[in-house]
Amino acid sequence: MLRLLPITRLFQAPLRSWAVPKAHISAKPARTPTSPMEQAVGISTMFVSFLVPAGWVLSHLESYKKSSVA
């Protein structure tokens, strides 16, 4: 166990020296506000991109079960 302490210090040394860059966060309002139509398009796109593939897999679940039987 005593031999492991120097080894663990070698692995921890690079982690201590990494500098995390500061995030550029602004408290100001956006230069160009997003219109309700743009928001609706964005939300719809997210909905479609996440739920349509999941729905397709769930609708074809029986065929997946049949093809994976060995």
Protein backbone atom coordinates (compact mmCIF):
# COMPACT_ATOMS: atom_id res chain seq x y z
CA MET A 1 0.00 0.00 0.00
CA LEU A 2 2.85 2.39 0.74
CA ARG A 3 4.23 1.86 -2.76
CA LEU A 4 0.95 3.03 -4.31
CA LEU A 5 1.04 6.51 -2.75
CA PRO A 6 3.81 7.92 -4.99
CA ILE A 7 2.15 6.40 -8.04
CA THR A 8 -1.21 8.00 -7.25
CA ARG A 9 0.51 11.36 -6.77
CA LEU A 10 1.96 11.05 -10.28
CA PHE A 11 -1.52 10.62 -11.71
CA GLN A 12 -2.99 13.49 -9.69
CA ALA A 13 -0.23 16.03 -10.51
CA PRO A 14 -1.41 16.88 -14.07
CA LEU A 15 -4.96 17.37 -12.85
CA ARG A 16 -3.93 20.06 -10.40
CA SER A 17 -2.09 22.12 -13.01
CA TRP A 18 -4.90 22.34 -15.59
CA ALA A 19 -6.42 25.78 -15.83
CA VAL A 20 -10.11 25.90 -16.62
CA PRO A 21 -10.89 28.77 -18.98
CA LYS A 22 -13.36 31.36 -17.73
CA ALA A 23 -16.75 31.20 -19.41
CA HIS A 24 -17.89 34.30 -21.26
CA ILE A 25 -21.23 34.91 -19.59
CA SER A 26 -23.05 38.13 -20.26
CA ALA A 27 -25.88 39.63 -18.24
CA LYS A 28 -26.94 41.80 -21.17
CA PRO A 29 -30.02 40.99 -23.25
CA ALA A 30 -29.53 39.48 -26.69
CA ARG A 31 -28.68 41.85 -29.56
CA THR A 32 -31.37 40.33 -31.76
CA PRO A 33 -34.31 38.87 -29.84
CA THR A 34 -35.66 35.52 -30.97
CA SER A 35 -39.11 35.74 -32.47
CA PRO A 36 -41.90 33.38 -31.37
CA MET A 37 -41.78 31.74 -34.82
CA GLU A 38 -38.07 31.00 -34.47
CA GLN A 39 -38.69 29.56 -31.01
CA ALA A 40 -41.49 27.35 -32.34
CA VAL A 41 -39.29 26.08 -35.17
CA GLY A 42 -36.44 25.34 -32.76
CA ILE A 43 -38.64 23.49 -30.28
CA SER A 44 -40.30 21.51 -33.09
CA THR A 45 -36.92 20.55 -34.53
CA MET A 46 -35.71 19.34 -31.14
CA PHE A 47 -38.93 17.38 -30.62
CA VAL A 48 -38.66 15.71 -34.02
CA SER A 49 -34.96 14.94 -33.73
CA PHE A 50 -35.32 13.19 -30.37
CA LEU A 51 -38.72 11.55 -30.46
CA VAL A 52 -39.11 10.38 -34.06
CA PRO A 53 -36.14 7.94 -33.94
CA ALA A 54 -37.32 6.61 -30.56
CA GLY A 55 -40.84 6.17 -31.92
CA TRP A 56 -39.54 4.38 -34.98
CA VAL A 57 -37.56 1.93 -32.86
CA LEU A 58 -40.52 1.31 -30.57
CA SER A 59 -42.87 0.75 -33.52
CA HIS A 60 -40.46 -1.84 -34.99
CA LEU A 61 -39.66 -3.53 -31.69
CA GLU A 62 -41.37 -6.79 -32.65
CA SER A 63 -39.29 -7.15 -35.81
CA TYR A 64 -36.14 -6.55 -33.76
CA LYS A 65 -37.18 -9.29 -31.34
CA LYS A 66 -37.80 -11.73 -34.19
CA SER A 67 -34.50 -11.05 -35.96
CA SER A 68 -32.38 -11.34 -32.81
CA VAL A 69 -33.61 -14.82 -31.84
CA ALA A 70 -30.73 -17.27 -32.19
